[in-house]
C-alpha atoms as a PDB file:
ATOM      1  CA  UNK A   1       0.000   0.000   0.000  1.00  0.00           C
ATOM      2  CA  UNK A   2       2.799   2.414   0.820  1.00  0.00           C
ATOM      3  CA  UNK A   3       5.394   1.369  -1.736  1.00  0.00           C
ATOM      4  CA  UNK A   4       3.548   1.313  -5.054  1.00  0.00           C
ATOM      5  CA  UNK A   5       3.412   4.432  -7.219  1.00  0.00           C
ATOM      6  CA  UNK A   6       0.189   6.415  -7.681  1.00  0.00           C
ATOM      7  CA  UNK A   7      -0.716   4.786 -10.998  1.00  0.00           C
ATOM      8  CA  UNK A   8      -0.399   1.309  -9.504  1.00  0.00           C
ATOM      9  CA  UNK A   9      -2.241   2.362  -6.353  1.00  0.00           C
ATOM     10  CA  UNK A  10      -5.173   3.510  -8.500  1.00  0.00           C
ATOM     11  CA  UNK A  11      -5.150   0.261 -10.491  1.00  0.00           C
ATOM     12  CA  UNK A  12      -5.196  -1.790  -7.280  1.00  0.00           C
ATOM     13  CA  UNK A  13      -7.981   0.261  -5.668  1.00  0.00           C
ATOM     14  CA  UNK A  14      -5.708   1.742  -3.019  1.00  0.00           C
ATOM     15  CA  UNK A  15      -6.868   5.347  -3.450  1.00  0.00           C
ATOM     16  CA  UNK A  16      -9.742   7.011  -1.622  1.00  0.00           C
ATOM     17  CA  UNK A  17     -12.352   9.160  -3.361  1.00  0.00           C
ATOM     18  CA  UNK A  18     -10.318  12.296  -2.542  1.00  0.00           C
ATOM     19  CA  UNK A  19      -7.200  10.783  -4.133  1.00  0.00           C
ATOM     20  CA  UNK A  20      -5.380  10.101  -0.867  1.00  0.00           C
ATOM     21  CA  UNK A  21      -3.804   6.712  -0.210  1.00  0.00           C
ATOM     22  CA  UNK A  22      -5.672   4.089   1.731  1.00  0.00           C
ATOM     23  CA  UNK A  23      -3.750   2.625   4.658  1.00  0.00           C
ATOM     24  CA  UNK A  24      -4.039  -0.606   6.601  1.00  0.00           C
ATOM     25  CA  UNK A  25      -6.797   0.596   9.011  1.00  0.00           C
ATOM     26  CA  UNK A  26      -9.024   1.090   5.946  1.00  0.00           C
ATOM     27  CA  UNK A  27      -9.190  -2.686   5.421  1.00  0.00           C
ATOM     28  CA  UNK A  28     -11.068  -5.012   7.758  1.00  0.00           C
ATOM     29  CA  UNK A  29      -8.586  -7.835   7.313  1.00  0.00           C
ATOM     30  CA  UNK A  30      -5.666  -5.541   8.209  1.00  0.00           C
ATOM     31  CA  UNK A  31      -7.226  -3.141  10.707  1.00  0.00           C
ATOM     32  CA  UNK A  32      -5.722  -4.893  13.757  1.00  0.00           C
ATOM     33  CA  UNK A  33      -2.199  -5.118  12.365  1.00  0.00           C
ATOM     34  CA  UNK A  34       0.721  -3.401  14.043  1.00  0.00           C
ATOM     35  CA  UNK A  35       2.007  -0.264  12.371  1.00  0.00           C
ATOM     36  CA  UNK A  36       5.600   0.262  11.282  1.00  0.00           C
ATOM     37  CA  UNK A  37       7.463   3.303  10.049  1.00  0.00           C
ATOM     38  CA  UNK A  38       6.149   4.446   6.651  1.00  0.00           C
ATOM     39  CA  UNK A  39       9.718   5.015   5.447  1.00  0.00           C
ATOM     40  CA  UNK A  40      10.677   1.489   6.528  1.00  0.00           C
ATOM     41  CA  UNK A  41       7.696   0.043   4.667  1.00  0.00           C
ATOM     42  CA  UNK A  42       8.617   1.909   1.489  1.00  0.00           C
ATOM     43  CA  UNK A  43      12.250   0.767   1.757  1.00  0.00           C
ATOM     44  CA  UNK A  44      11.157  -2.843   2.355  1.00  0.00           C
ATOM     45  CA  UNK A  45       8.868  -2.680  -0.668  1.00  0.00           C
ATOM     46  CA  UNK A  46      11.723  -1.429  -2.868  1.00  0.00           C
ATOM     47  CA  UNK A  47      13.889  -4.280  -1.581  1.00  0.00           C
ATOM     48  CA  UNK A  48      11.089  -6.731  -2.404  1.00  0.00           C
ATOM     49  CA  UNK A  49      10.767  -5.507  -5.988  1.00  0.00           C
ATOM     50  CA  UNK A  50      14.550  -5.559  -6.445  1.00  0.00           C
ATOM     51  CA  UNK A  51      14.513  -9.168  -5.221  1.00  0.00           C
ATOM     52  CA  UNK A  52      11.723 -10.090  -7.633  1.00  0.00           C
ATOM     53  CA  UNK A  53      13.744  -8.649 -10.504  1.00  0.00           C
ATOM     54  CA  UNK A  54      16.950 -10.405  -9.459  1.00  0.00           C
ATOM     55  CA  UNK A  55      15.090 -13.719  -9.182  1.00  0.00           C
ATOM     56  CA  UNK A  56      13.717 -13.356 -12.698  1.00  0.00           C
ATOM     57  CA  UNK A  57      10.068 -12.576 -11.927  1.00  0.00           C
ATOM     58  CA  UNK A  58       8.500 -11.081 -15.055  1.00  0.00           C
ATOM     59  CA  UNK A  59       6.442  -7.881 -14.997  1.00  0.00           C
ATOM     60  CA  UNK A  60       3.319  -9.969 -15.629  1.00  0.00           C
ATOM     61  CA  UNK A  61       4.109 -12.203 -12.657  1.00  0.00           C
ATOM     62  CA  UNK A  62       4.758  -9.234 -10.386  1.00  0.00           C
ATOM     63  CA  UNK A  63       1.515  -7.652 -11.568  1.00  0.00           C
ATOM     64  CA  UNK A  64      -0.352 -10.868 -10.742  1.00  0.00           C
ATOM     65  CA  UNK A  65       1.170 -10.915  -7.236  1.00  0.00           C
ATOM     66  CA  UNK A  66       0.005  -7.341  -6.677  1.00  0.00           C
ATOM     67  CA  UNK A  67      -3.487  -8.097  -7.987  1.00  0.00           C
ATOM     68  CA  UNK A  68      -3.958 -11.256  -5.919  1.00  0.00           C
ATOM     69  CA  UNK A  69      -2.772  -9.525  -2.749  1.00  0.00           C
ATOM     70  CA  UNK A  70      -5.069  -6.547  -3.381  1.00  0.00           C
ATOM     71  CA  UNK A  71      -8.008  -8.828  -4.237  1.00  0.00           C
ATOM     72  CA  UNK A  72      -7.571 -10.660  -0.918  1.00  0.00           C
ATOM     73  CA  UNK A  73      -7.598  -7.343   0.954  1.00  0.00           C
ATOM     74  CA  UNK A  74     -10.629  -5.934  -0.891  1.00  0.00           C
ATOM     75  CA  UNK A  75     -12.566  -9.180  -0.396  1.00  0.00           C
ATOM     76  CA  UNK A  76     -12.904  -8.283   3.273  1.00  0.00           C
ATOM     77  CA  UNK A  77     -14.732  -5.073   2.342  1.00  0.00           C
ATOM     78  CA  UNK A  78     -17.622  -6.918   0.670  1.00  0.00           C
ATOM     79  CA  UNK A  79     -20.743  -6.780   2.878  1.00  0.00           C
ATOM     80  CA  UNK A  80     -23.985  -8.714   2.527  1.00  0.00           C
ATOM     81  CA  UNK A  81     -27.655  -7.851   3.017  1.00  0.00           C
ATOM     82  CA  UNK A  82     -29.164 -10.875   4.745  1.00  0.00           C
ATOM     83  CA  UNK A  83     -32.702  -9.461   4.555  1.00  0.00           C
ATOM     84  CA  UNK A  84     -33.033 -10.603   0.945  1.00  0.00           C
ATOM     85  CA  UNK A  85     -32.415 -14.231   1.903  1.00  0.00           C
ATOM     86  CA  UNK A  86     -35.395 -16.570   1.637  1.00  0.00           C
ATOM     87  CA  UNK A  87     -35.031 -20.325   2.006  1.00  0.00           C
ATOM     88  CA  UNK A  88     -38.698 -20.933   1.340  1.00  0.00           C
ATOM     89  CA  UNK A  89     -40.522 -21.689  -1.867  1.00  0.00           C
ATOM     90  CA  UNK A  90     -39.143 -18.655  -3.718  1.00  0.00           C
ATOM     91  CA  UNK A  91     -35.561 -19.346  -2.549  1.00  0.00           C
ATOM     92  CA  UNK A  92     -33.779 -15.995  -2.815  1.00  0.00           C
ATOM     93  CA  UNK A  93     -30.098 -15.488  -1.880  1.00  0.00           C
ATOM     94  CA  UNK A  94     -28.505 -12.820   0.271  1.00  0.00           C
ATOM     95  CA  UNK A  95     -27.337  -9.846  -1.771  1.00  0.00           C
ATOM     96  CA  UNK A  96     -24.202  -7.727  -1.807  1.00  0.00           C
ATOM     97  CA  UNK A  97     -24.657  -4.333  -0.143  1.00  0.00           C
ATOM     98  CA  UNK A  98     -21.657  -2.552  -1.591  1.00  0.00           C
ATOM     99  CA  UNK A  99     -20.960  -3.258  -5.239  1.00  0.00           C
ATOM    100  CA  UNK A 100     -17.738  -1.212  -5.471  1.00  0.00           C
ATOM    101  CA  UNK A 101     -15.395  -3.711  -3.732  1.00  0.00           C
ATOM    102  CA  UNK A 102     -17.221  -6.595  -5.433  1.00  0.00           C
ATOM    103  CA  UNK A 103     -16.538  -5.061  -8.853  1.00  0.00           C
ATOM    104  CA  UNK A 104     -12.944  -4.297  -7.918  1.00  0.00           C
ATOM    105  CA  UNK A 105     -12.252  -7.846  -6.717  1.00  0.00           C
ATOM    106  CA  UNK A 106     -13.767  -9.273  -9.914  1.00  0.00           C
ATOM    107  CA  UNK A 107     -11.551  -7.014 -12.034  1.00  0.00           C
ATOM    108  CA  UNK A 108      -8.410  -7.856 -10.053  1.00  0.00           C
ATOM    109  CA  UNK A 109      -9.118 -11.586 -10.378  1.00  0.00           C
ATOM    110  CA  UNK A 110      -9.802 -11.255 -14.108  1.00  0.00           C
ATOM    111  CA  UNK A 111     -13.388 -12.491 -13.820  1.00  0.00           C
ATOM    112  CA  UNK A 112     -15.882 -11.729 -16.622  1.00  0.00           C
ATOM    113  CA  UNK A 113     -18.155  -9.701 -14.351  1.00  0.00           C
ATOM    114  CA  UNK A 114     -18.942  -8.770 -10.757  1.00  0.00           C
ATOM    115  CA  UNK A 115     -22.274 -10.580 -11.149  1.00  0.00           C
ATOM    116  CA  UNK A 116     -20.412 -13.859 -11.738  1.00  0.00           C
ATOM    117  CA  UNK A 117     -18.484 -13.394  -8.501  1.00  0.00           C
ATOM    118  CA  UNK A 118     -21.643 -12.533  -6.559  1.00  0.00           C
ATOM    119  CA  UNK A 119     -23.418 -15.591  -7.976  1.00  0.00           C
ATOM    120  CA  UNK A 120     -20.650 -17.856  -6.695  1.00  0.00           C
ATOM    121  CA  UNK A 121     -20.466 -16.202  -3.282  1.00  0.00           C
ATOM    122  CA  UNK A 122     -24.170 -16.316  -2.404  1.00  0.00           C
ATOM    123  CA  UNK A 123     -25.064 -19.773  -3.766  1.00  0.00           C
ATOM    124  CA  UNK A 124     -24.068 -23.281  -2.832  1.00  0.00           C
ATOM    125  CA  UNK A 125     -21.607 -25.004  -5.138  1.00  0.00           C
ATOM    126  CA  UNK A 126     -22.900 -26.169  -8.504  1.00  0.00           C
ATOM    127  CA  UNK A 127     -23.641 -29.888  -8.750  1.00  0.00           C
ATOM    128  CA  UNK A 128     -22.983 -31.968 -11.854  1.00  0.00           C
ATOM    129  CA  UNK A 129     -26.160 -32.773 -13.764  1.00  0.00           C
ATOM    130  CA  UNK A 130     -28.296 -30.402 -11.672  1.00  0.00           C
ATOM    131  CA  UNK A 131     -29.571 -27.194 -13.208  1.00  0.00           C
ATOM    132  CA  UNK A 132     -30.051 -24.064 -11.112  1.00  0.00           C
ATOM    133  CA  UNK A 133     -28.306 -22.956  -7.949  1.00  0.00           C
ATOM    134  CA  UNK A 134     -29.497 -23.083  -4.353  1.00  0.00           C
ATOM    135  CA  UNK A 135     -29.038 -19.952  -2.202  1.00  0.00           C
ATOM    136  CA  UNK A 136     -26.607 -20.524   0.645  1.00  0.00           C
ATOM    137  CA  UNK A 137     -27.292 -19.556   4.264  1.00  0.00           C
ATOM    138  CA  UNK A 138     -26.109 -16.067   5.300  1.00  0.00           C
ATOM    139  CA  UNK A 139     -23.430 -17.364   7.687  1.00  0.00           C
ATOM    140  CA  UNK A 140     -22.107 -19.737   5.047  1.00  0.00           C
ATOM    141  CA  UNK A 141     -21.934 -16.895   2.537  1.00  0.00           C
ATOM    142  CA  UNK A 142     -19.816 -14.810   4.921  1.00  0.00           C
ATOM    143  CA  UNK A 143     -17.562 -17.807   5.568  1.00  0.00           C
ATOM    144  CA  UNK A 144     -17.244 -18.485   1.843  1.00  0.00           C
ATOM    145  CA  UNK A 145     -16.064 -14.932   1.228  1.00  0.00           C
ATOM    146  CA  UNK A 146     -13.408 -15.154   3.953  1.00  0.00           C
ATOM    147  CA  UNK A 147     -12.338 -18.626   2.823  1.00  0.00           C
ATOM    148  CA  UNK A 148     -11.951 -17.444  -0.766  1.00  0.00           C
ATOM    149  CA  UNK A 149      -9.740 -14.543   0.339  1.00  0.00           C
ATOM    150  CA  UNK A 150      -7.569 -16.950   2.341  1.00  0.00           C
ATOM    151  CA  UNK A 151      -7.400 -19.451  -0.533  1.00  0.00           C
ATOM    152  CA  UNK A 152      -6.297 -16.791  -3.020  1.00  0.00           C
ATOM    153  CA  UNK A 153      -3.512 -15.616  -0.725  1.00  0.00           C
ATOM    154  CA  UNK A 154      -2.497 -19.179   0.211  1.00  0.00           C
ATOM    155  CA  UNK A 155      -2.313 -20.315  -3.413  1.00  0.00           C
ATOM    156  CA  UNK A 156      -0.251 -17.265  -4.319  1.00  0.00           C
ATOM    157  CA  UNK A 157       2.145 -17.943  -1.435  1.00  0.00           C
ATOM    158  CA  UNK A 158       2.579 -21.580  -2.481  1.00  0.00           C
ATOM    159  CA  UNK A 159       3.198 -20.467  -6.073  1.00  0.00           C
ATOM    160  CA  UNK A 160       5.828 -17.980  -4.844  1.00  0.00           C
ATOM    161  CA  UNK A 161       7.701 -20.747  -3.013  1.00  0.00           C
ATOM    162  CA  UNK A 162       7.623 -23.009  -6.086  1.00  0.00           C
ATOM    163  CA  UNK A 163       8.678 -20.165  -8.381  1.00  0.00           C
ATOM    164  CA  UNK A 164      11.620 -19.172  -6.155  1.00  0.00           C
ATOM    165  CA  UNK A 165      12.772 -22.781  -5.882  1.00  0.00           C
ATOM    166  CA  UNK A 166      12.837 -23.013  -9.672  1.00  0.00           C
ATOM    167  CA  UNK A 167      14.676 -19.700 -10.090  1.00  0.00           C
ATOM    168  CA  UNK A 168      17.501 -20.607  -7.693  1.00  0.00           C
ATOM    169  CA  UNK A 169      18.153 -24.022  -9.257  1.00  0.00           C
ATOM    170  CA  UNK A 170      21.624 -24.511 -10.728  1.00  0.00           C
ATOM    171  CA  UNK A 171      21.738 -23.700 -14.450  1.00  0.00           C
ATOM    172  CA  UNK A 172      22.160 -27.340 -15.515  1.00  0.00           C
ATOM    173  CA  UNK A 173      18.979 -28.331 -13.644  1.00  0.00           C
ATOM    174  CA  UNK A 174      17.041 -25.217 -14.585  1.00  0.00           C
ATOM    175  CA  UNK A 175      17.775 -25.795 -18.266  1.00  0.00           C
ATOM    176  CA  UNK A 176      15.993 -29.139 -18.135  1.00  0.00           C
ATOM    177  CA  UNK A 177      19.073 -31.355 -18.225  1.00  0.00           C
ATOM    178  CA  UNK A 178      17.605 -33.927 -15.894  1.00  0.00           C
ATOM    179  CA  UNK A 179      20.635 -36.182 -16.160  1.00  0.00           C
ATOM    180  CA  UNK A 180      22.240 -33.698 -13.765  1.00  0.00           C
ATOM    181  CA  UNK A 181      19.790 -34.705 -11.058  1.00  0.00           C
ATOM    182  CA  UNK A 182      22.190 -37.417  -9.940  1.00  0.00           C
ATOM    183  CA  UNK A 183      24.696 -34.691  -9.130  1.00  0.00           C
ATOM    184  CA  UNK A 184      22.116 -32.521  -7.393  1.00  0.00           C
ATOM    185  CA  UNK A 185      23.959 -32.589  -4.080  1.00  0.00           C
ATOM    186  CA  UNK A 186      27.189 -31.504  -5.725  1.00  0.00           C
ATOM    187  CA  UNK A 187      25.753 -28.613  -7.752  1.00  0.00           C
ATOM    188  CA  UNK A 188      23.421 -27.101  -5.152  1.00  0.00           C
ATOM    189  CA  UNK A 189      24.135 -25.229  -1.972  1.00  0.00           C
ATOM    190  CA  UNK A 190      21.976 -26.251   0.969  1.00  0.00           C
ATOM    191  CA  UNK A 191      21.452 -25.082   4.522  1.00  0.00           C
ATOM    192  CA  UNK A 192      20.243 -27.501   7.197  1.00  0.00           C
ATOM    193  CA  UNK A 193      18.071 -26.043   9.938  1.00  0.00           C
ATOM    194  CA  UNK A 194      16.986 -27.747  13.139  1.00  0.00           C
ATOM    195  CA  UNK A 195      14.223 -25.867  14.933  1.00  0.00           C
ATOM    196  CA  UNK A 196      13.444 -27.086  18.453  1.00  0.00           C
ATOM    197  CA  UNK A 197      10.934 -25.282  20.632  1.00  0.00           C
ATOM    198  CA  UNK A 198      12.729 -23.882  23.649  1.00  0.00           C
ATOM    199  CA  UNK A 199      16.227 -24.229  22.176  1.00  0.00           C
ATOM    200  CA  UNK A 200      17.053 -20.730  23.403  1.00  0.00           C
ATOM    201  CA  UNK A 201      16.949 -22.095  26.960  1.00  0.00           C
ATOM    202  CA  UNK A 202      19.694 -24.654  26.400  1.00  0.00           C
ATOM    203  CA  UNK A 203      23.022 -24.030  28.156  1.00  0.00           C
ATOM    204  CA  UNK A 204      24.752 -24.895  24.895  1.00  0.00           C
ATOM    205  CA  UNK A 205      23.242 -24.451  21.421  1.00  0.00           C
END
């Protein structure tokens, strides 16, 4: 939020109506976080981008990381109107109160429309061979929204780990020369870590 330039902040929905930057208290998922120095945050962000570039992350990949992170944050701003829910004969789902974050999340995720995202959030999962969708209970809808935000961020994190592991492979392995796998131990540098709870209390480490 603090490191991106103004153009990127606008693209990611990080600007308020008056043009000022949003900050972590403006997001429900982040509102209870601890604050750090703004200058430190900006310096850390620059270091992050420099690291991405050194590790060979393309502009498209960095853009995707920004969009997925922002989408996870904005997901928490989506609110529902439970009064529209009806589990009776007419079966009507809860509705989204504020369409702005819904539309923004859909755009950041590359979805065809905000309506598609809303449809998935407020209905139970589609079943093979069954036409129509059943409205989900209000509490389930809220849980689905939070779970989706977590899943997006979790999948991105797992992808980052896999991507970094690929980028730091020795050239002979990275190039696809799998015959070099037998010499993996000789051509890679490894660090062994043993983490024991309470190790800091040992007389000798």
